[in-house]
Protein backbone atom coordinates (compact mmCIF):
# COMPACT_ATOMS: atom_id res chain seq x y z
CA MET A 1 -8.86 -7.78 23.93
CA LEU A 2 -9.39 -4.75 26.17
CA LEU A 3 -13.14 -4.65 25.53
CA ASN A 4 -13.50 -8.43 26.01
CA PRO A 5 -15.95 -9.02 23.11
CA GLY A 6 -17.79 -12.31 23.52
CA ASN A 7 -15.68 -13.10 26.63
CA ILE A 8 -12.75 -13.93 24.34
CA ARG A 9 -10.23 -12.46 26.79
CA ASP A 10 -11.54 -14.68 29.58
CA LEU A 11 -11.31 -17.75 27.35
CA ILE A 12 -7.75 -16.97 26.26
CA LEU A 13 -6.49 -16.21 29.76
CA ALA A 14 -8.18 -19.30 31.23
CA ASP A 15 -6.19 -21.54 28.89
CA ASN A 16 -2.93 -23.20 29.99
CA THR A 17 -1.04 -21.66 27.06
CA PRO A 18 -2.64 -18.30 26.25
CA GLY A 19 0.23 -17.33 23.96
CA ILE A 20 -0.73 -19.98 21.39
CA ALA A 21 -4.36 -18.84 21.28
CA LEU A 22 -3.32 -15.21 20.97
CA GLY A 23 -0.79 -16.10 18.28
CA LEU A 24 -3.43 -17.94 16.26
CA LEU A 25 -5.77 -14.96 16.50
CA LEU A 26 -3.04 -12.57 15.38
CA PHE A 27 -2.02 -14.88 12.54
CA GLY A 28 -5.61 -15.00 11.27
CA PHE A 29 -5.85 -11.21 11.51
CA ILE A 30 -2.63 -10.74 9.53
CA ILE A 31 -3.77 -13.19 6.84
CA THR A 32 -7.12 -11.41 6.52
CA ILE A 33 -5.62 -7.93 6.19
CA SER A 34 -2.91 -9.02 3.75
CA SER A 35 -5.42 -10.94 1.62
CA SER A 36 -7.63 -7.89 1.31
CA ALA A 37 -4.64 -5.73 0.33
CA MET A 38 -3.57 -8.28 -2.29
CA GLY A 39 -7.13 -8.55 -3.65
CA THR A 40 -7.37 -4.77 -3.93
CA ALA A 41 -4.06 -4.64 -5.81
CA ILE A 42 -5.12 -7.41 -8.21
CA MET A 43 -8.44 -5.72 -8.96
CA ALA A 44 -6.65 -2.42 -9.64
CA ILE A 45 -4.43 -3.96 -12.34
CA GLY A 46 -7.02 -3.59 -15.10
CA ARG A 47 -7.95 -0.01 -14.23
CA ARG A 48 -7.17 2.59 -16.87
CA GLN A 49 -4.54 5.18 -16.14
CA PRO A 50 -5.78 8.77 -15.89
CA GLU A 51 -5.14 11.00 -18.89
CA GLY A 52 -2.97 14.05 -18.57
CA PRO A 53 0.60 14.82 -17.66
CA PRO A 54 2.64 12.10 -15.98
CA ARG A 55 2.64 12.13 -12.21
CA GLY A 56 5.71 12.04 -10.04
CA PRO A 57 8.98 13.89 -10.11
CA GLY A 58 10.16 15.23 -13.45
CA GLN A 59 13.54 14.60 -15.00
CA PHE A 60 16.26 17.18 -14.58
CA VAL A 61 18.06 18.12 -17.78
CA ALA A 62 21.31 20.06 -17.79
CA GLU A 63 21.35 22.73 -20.46
CA THR A 64 23.68 25.43 -21.65
CA ALA A 65 22.76 28.98 -22.64
CA GLY A 66 22.55 28.02 -26.34
CA ASP A 67 20.24 25.02 -25.76
CA LYS A 68 16.93 26.91 -25.74
CA THR A 69 15.43 24.96 -28.68
CA ARG A 70 16.20 21.61 -27.05
CA SER A 71 14.71 22.86 -23.80
CA ARG A 72 11.53 23.95 -25.59
CA GLN A 73 11.27 20.55 -27.32
CA LEU A 74 11.60 18.74 -23.98
CA HIS A 75 9.06 21.08 -22.40
CA ASP A 76 6.55 20.41 -25.20
CA ARG A 77 7.08 16.67 -24.92
CA PHE A 78 6.34 16.57 -21.19
């Protein structure tokens, strides 16, 4: 609106109810952006997951001093 592309600002402000015209423009913009985000998410559903260790925070396991074999088994599994 600040750059006045195609004299759109002049058209909106010349109207009796500029809020409705501005609201319709914003509604169309929101629909366009949300549709592209949804389309991107849908197309990413079939993508294969990368191989390697799992991403994200690990799980904390409480262990005692005598639990070294269990700790090693958990370490090898992750």
